[in-house]
Amino acid sequence: MHPKYIEVKGVFVPRGGIAIHPFANWANPDYGYADIAAKRLFEQLDMA
């Protein structure tokens, strides 16, 4: 894989436990997606 931008989000809701939503993203600096990656990351942090 040689992505320009990649985003992975997991949604885990165990029975009777605390739900977790891990999120990771990466932007290839050669294509200028760094601003999008930062914006998406901060959107995920705001949802916490």
PDB file of N, CA and C in Angstrom:
ATOM      1  N   MET A   1       0.837  -1.183   0.000  1.00  0.00           N
ATOM      2  CA  MET A   1       0.000   0.000   0.000  1.00  0.00           C
ATOM      3  C   MET A   1       0.883   1.248   0.000  1.00  0.00           C
ATOM      4  N   HIS A   2       0.456   2.222  -0.747  1.00  0.00           N
ATOM      5  CA  HIS A   2       1.094   3.534  -0.755  1.00  0.00           C
ATOM      6  C   HIS A   2      -0.011   4.585  -0.710  1.00  0.00           C
ATOM      7  N   PRO A   3      -0.690   4.691   0.441  1.00  0.00           N
ATOM      8  CA  PRO A   3      -1.842   5.596   0.500  1.00  0.00           C
ATOM      9  C   PRO A   3      -1.433   7.064   0.539  1.00  0.00           C
ATOM     10  N   LYS A   4      -2.317   7.896   0.032  1.00  0.00           N
ATOM     11  CA  LYS A   4      -2.161   9.343   0.191  1.00  0.00           C
ATOM     12  C   LYS A   4      -2.669   9.731   1.570  1.00  0.00           C
ATOM     13  N   TYR A   5      -3.765   9.086   1.965  1.00  0.00           N
ATOM     14  CA  TYR A   5      -4.354   9.316   3.276  1.00  0.00           C
ATOM     15  C   TYR A   5      -5.037   8.022   3.697  1.00  0.00           C
ATOM     16  N   ILE A   6      -4.859   7.652   4.948  1.00  0.00           N
ATOM     17  CA  ILE A   6      -5.512   6.452   5.456  1.00  0.00           C
ATOM     18  C   ILE A   6      -6.051   6.737   6.852  1.00  0.00           C
ATOM     19  N   GLU A   7      -7.200   6.142   7.116  1.00  0.00           N
ATOM     20  CA  GLU A   7      -7.872   6.357   8.395  1.00  0.00           C
ATOM     21  C   GLU A   7      -8.466   5.023   8.848  1.00  0.00           C
ATOM     22  N   VAL A   8      -8.245   4.694  10.110  1.00  0.00           N
ATOM     23  CA  VAL A   8      -8.776   3.454  10.675  1.00  0.00           C
ATOM     24  C   VAL A   8      -9.455   3.791  11.991  1.00  0.00           C
ATOM     25  N   LYS A   9     -10.692   3.316  12.137  1.00  0.00           N
ATOM     26  CA  LYS A   9     -11.429   3.556  13.375  1.00  0.00           C
ATOM     27  C   LYS A   9     -12.051   2.244  13.817  1.00  0.00           C
ATOM     28  N   GLY A  10     -11.912   1.936  15.082  1.00  0.00           N
ATOM     29  CA  GLY A  10     -12.526   0.742  15.650  1.00  0.00           C
ATOM     30  C   GLY A  10     -13.611   1.150  16.622  1.00  0.00           C
ATOM     31  N   VAL A  11     -14.691   0.392  16.619  1.00  0.00           N
ATOM     32  CA  VAL A  11     -15.787   0.648  17.552  1.00  0.00           C
ATOM     33  C   VAL A  11     -16.016  -0.649  18.318  1.00  0.00           C
ATOM     34  N   PHE A  12     -15.677  -0.629  19.596  1.00  0.00           N
ATOM     35  CA  PHE A  12     -15.803  -1.806  20.435  1.00  0.00           C
ATOM     36  C   PHE A  12     -16.737  -1.493  21.596  1.00  0.00           C
ATOM     37  N   VAL A  13     -17.803  -2.275  21.701  1.00  0.00           N
ATOM     38  CA  VAL A  13     -18.780  -2.074  22.767  1.00  0.00           C
ATOM     39  C   VAL A  13     -18.987  -3.419  23.470  1.00  0.00           C
ATOM     40  N   PRO A  14     -18.207  -3.682  24.514  1.00  0.00           N
ATOM     41  CA  PRO A  14     -18.365  -4.945  25.213  1.00  0.00           C
ATOM     42  C   PRO A  14     -19.641  -4.952  26.053  1.00  0.00           C
ATOM     43  N   ARG A  15     -20.179  -6.130  26.274  1.00  0.00           N
ATOM     44  CA  ARG A  15     -21.376  -6.228  27.100  1.00  0.00           C
ATOM     45  C   ARG A  15     -21.040  -5.807  28.528  1.00  0.00           C
ATOM     46  N   GLY A  16     -21.782  -4.859  29.034  1.00  0.00           N
ATOM     47  CA  GLY A  16     -21.628  -4.436  30.423  1.00  0.00           C
ATOM     48  C   GLY A  16     -20.345  -3.687  30.728  1.00  0.00           C
ATOM     49  N   GLY A  17     -19.591  -3.311  29.708  1.00  0.00           N
ATOM     50  CA  GLY A  17     -18.313  -2.644  29.947  1.00  0.00           C
ATOM     51  C   GLY A  17     -18.284  -1.245  29.367  1.00  0.00           C
ATOM     52  N   ILE A  18     -17.121  -0.710  29.332  1.00  0.00           N
ATOM     53  CA  ILE A  18     -16.918   0.635  28.810  1.00  0.00           C
ATOM     54  C   ILE A  18     -16.549   0.534  27.334  1.00  0.00           C
ATOM     55  N   ALA A  19     -17.244   1.275  26.495  1.00  0.00           N
ATOM     56  CA  ALA A  19     -16.970   1.265  25.062  1.00  0.00           C
ATOM     57  C   ALA A  19     -15.682   2.034  24.757  1.00  0.00           C
ATOM     58  N   ILE A  20     -14.945   1.556  23.760  1.00  0.00           N
ATOM     59  CA  ILE A  20     -13.750   2.272  23.299  1.00  0.00           C
ATOM     60  C   ILE A  20     -13.850   2.450  21.791  1.00  0.00           C
ATOM     61  N   HIS A  21     -13.275   3.534  21.306  1.00  0.00           N
ATOM     62  CA  HIS A  21     -13.300   3.869  19.887  1.00  0.00           C
ATOM     63  C   HIS A  21     -11.903   4.327  19.461  1.00  0.00           C
ATOM     64  N   PRO A  22     -10.957   3.389  19.288  1.00  0.00           N
ATOM     65  CA  PRO A  22      -9.614   3.802  18.860  1.00  0.00           C
ATOM     66  C   PRO A  22      -9.638   4.364  17.435  1.00  0.00           C
ATOM     67  N   PHE A  23      -8.789   5.354  17.212  1.00  0.00           N
ATOM     68  CA  PHE A  23      -8.737   6.030  15.917  1.00  0.00           C
ATOM     69  C   PHE A  23      -7.286   6.313  15.574  1.00  0.00           C
ATOM     70  N   ALA A  24      -6.932   6.072  14.325  1.00  0.00           N
ATOM     71  CA  ALA A  24      -5.587   6.392  13.852  1.00  0.00           C
ATOM     72  C   ALA A  24      -5.697   6.870  12.410  1.00  0.00           C
ATOM     73  N   ASN A  25      -4.876   7.845  12.061  1.00  0.00           N
ATOM     74  CA  ASN A  25      -4.826   8.282  10.673  1.00  0.00           C
ATOM     75  C   ASN A  25      -3.407   8.689  10.319  1.00  0.00           C
ATOM     76  N   TRP A  26      -3.151   8.730   9.027  1.00  0.00           N
ATOM     77  CA  TRP A  26      -1.821   9.087   8.523  1.00  0.00           C
ATOM     78  C   TRP A  26      -1.982   9.739   7.167  1.00  0.00           C
ATOM     79  N   ALA A  27      -1.193  10.750   6.917  1.00  0.00           N
ATOM     80  CA  ALA A  27      -1.216  11.439   5.627  1.00  0.00           C
ATOM     81  C   ALA A  27       0.196  11.490   5.057  1.00  0.00           C
ATOM     82  N   ASN A  28       0.320  11.142   3.803  1.00  0.00           N
ATOM     83  CA  ASN A  28       1.602  11.209   3.114  1.00  0.00           C
ATOM     84  C   ASN A  28       1.936  12.678   2.877  1.00  0.00           C
ATOM     85  N   PRO A  29       3.059  13.158   3.402  1.00  0.00           N
ATOM     86  CA  PRO A  29       3.396  14.577   3.259  1.00  0.00           C
ATOM     87  C   PRO A  29       3.625  15.015   1.809  1.00  0.00           C
ATOM     88  N   ASP A  30       3.881  14.075   0.916  1.00  0.00           N
ATOM     89  CA  ASP A  30       4.107  14.419  -0.488  1.00  0.00           C
ATOM     90  C   ASP A  30       2.839  14.861  -1.209  1.00  0.00           C
ATOM     91  N   TYR A  31       1.675  14.568  -0.647  1.00  0.00           N
ATOM     92  CA  TYR A  31       0.415  14.867  -1.321  1.00  0.00           C
ATOM     93  C   TYR A  31      -0.396  15.975  -0.656  1.00  0.00           C
ATOM     94  N   GLY A  32       0.065  16.528   0.455  1.00  0.00           N
ATOM     95  CA  GLY A  32      -0.606  17.673   1.063  1.00  0.00           C
ATOM     96  C   GLY A  32      -1.870  17.355   1.845  1.00  0.00           C
ATOM     97  N   TYR A  33      -1.989  16.142   2.356  1.00  0.00           N
ATOM     98  CA  TYR A  33      -3.166  15.773   3.137  1.00  0.00           C
ATOM     99  C   TYR A  33      -2.965  15.972   4.641  1.00  0.00           C
ATOM    100  N   ALA A  34      -1.873  16.563   5.034  1.00  0.00           N
ATOM    101  CA  ALA A  34      -1.569  16.716   6.460  1.00  0.00           C
ATOM    102  C   ALA A  34      -2.633  17.544   7.184  1.00  0.00           C
ATOM    103  N   ASP A  35      -3.153  18.588   6.548  1.00  0.00           N
ATOM    104  CA  ASP A  35      -4.186  19.415   7.189  1.00  0.00           C
ATOM    105  C   ASP A  35      -5.465  18.620   7.420  1.00  0.00           C
ATOM    106  N   ILE A  36      -5.823  17.782   6.460  1.00  0.00           N
ATOM    107  CA  ILE A  36      -7.017  16.947   6.608  1.00  0.00           C
ATOM    108  C   ILE A  36      -6.816  15.948   7.747  1.00  0.00           C
ATOM    109  N   ALA A  37      -5.643  15.342   7.815  1.00  0.00           N
ATOM    110  CA  ALA A  37      -5.357  14.368   8.870  1.00  0.00           C
ATOM    111  C   ALA A  37      -5.441  15.025  10.241  1.00  0.00           C
ATOM    112  N   ALA A  38      -4.864  16.209  10.397  1.00  0.00           N
ATOM    113  CA  ALA A  38      -4.914  16.907  11.681  1.00  0.00           C
ATOM    114  C   ALA A  38      -6.354  17.277  12.043  1.00  0.00           C
ATOM    115  N   LYS A  39      -7.112  17.762  11.074  1.00  0.00           N
ATOM    116  CA  LYS A  39      -8.502  18.143  11.327  1.00  0.00           C
ATOM    117  C   LYS A  39      -9.323  16.933  11.771  1.00  0.00           C
ATOM    118  N   ARG A  40      -9.187  15.812  11.065  1.00  0.00           N
ATOM    119  CA  ARG A  40      -9.940  14.600  11.409  1.00  0.00           C
ATOM    120  C   ARG A  40      -9.546  14.078  12.787  1.00  0.00           C
ATOM    121  N   LEU A  41      -8.251  14.135  13.109  1.00  0.00           N
ATOM    122  CA  LEU A  41      -7.793  13.673  14.412  1.00  0.00           C
ATOM    123  C   LEU A  41      -8.411  14.511  15.521  1.00  0.00           C
ATOM    124  N   PHE A  42      -8.407  15.833  15.360  1.00  0.00           N
ATOM    125  CA  PHE A  42      -8.983  16.697  16.391  1.00  0.00           C
ATOM    126  C   PHE A  42     -10.496  16.555  16.478  1.00  0.00           C
ATOM    127  N   GLU A  43     -11.161  16.223  15.373  1.00  0.00           N
ATOM    128  CA  GLU A  43     -12.598  15.945  15.423  1.00  0.00           C
ATOM    129  C   GLU A  43     -12.862  14.723  16.302  1.00  0.00           C
ATOM    130  N   GLN A  44     -12.014  13.718  16.206  1.00  0.00           N
ATOM    131  CA  GLN A  44     -12.195  12.523  17.020  1.00  0.00           C
ATOM    132  C   GLN A  44     -11.957  12.822  18.488  1.00  0.00           C
ATOM    133  N   LEU A  45     -11.009  13.693  18.785  1.00  0.00           N
ATOM    134  CA  LEU A  45     -10.733  14.046  20.177  1.00  0.00           C
ATOM    135  C   LEU A  45     -11.877  14.852  20.774  1.00  0.00           C
ATOM    136  N   ASP A  46     -12.529  15.691  19.961  1.00  0.00           N
ATOM    137  CA  ASP A  46     -13.647  16.492  20.439  1.00  0.00           C
ATOM    138  C   ASP A  46     -14.844  15.628  20.797  1.00  0.00           C
ATOM    139  N   MET A  47     -14.966  14.455  20.168  1.00  0.00           N
ATOM    140  CA  MET A  47     -16.097  13.579  20.418  1.00  0.00           C
ATOM    141  C   MET A  47     -15.952  12.828  21.742  1.00  0.00           C
ATOM    142  N   ALA A  48     -14.757  12.811  22.296  1.00  0.00           N
ATOM    143  CA  ALA A  48     -14.513  12.043  23.532  1.00  0.00           C
ATOM    144  C   ALA A  48     -15.189  12.644  24.724  1.00  0.00           C
TER     145      ALA A  48
END
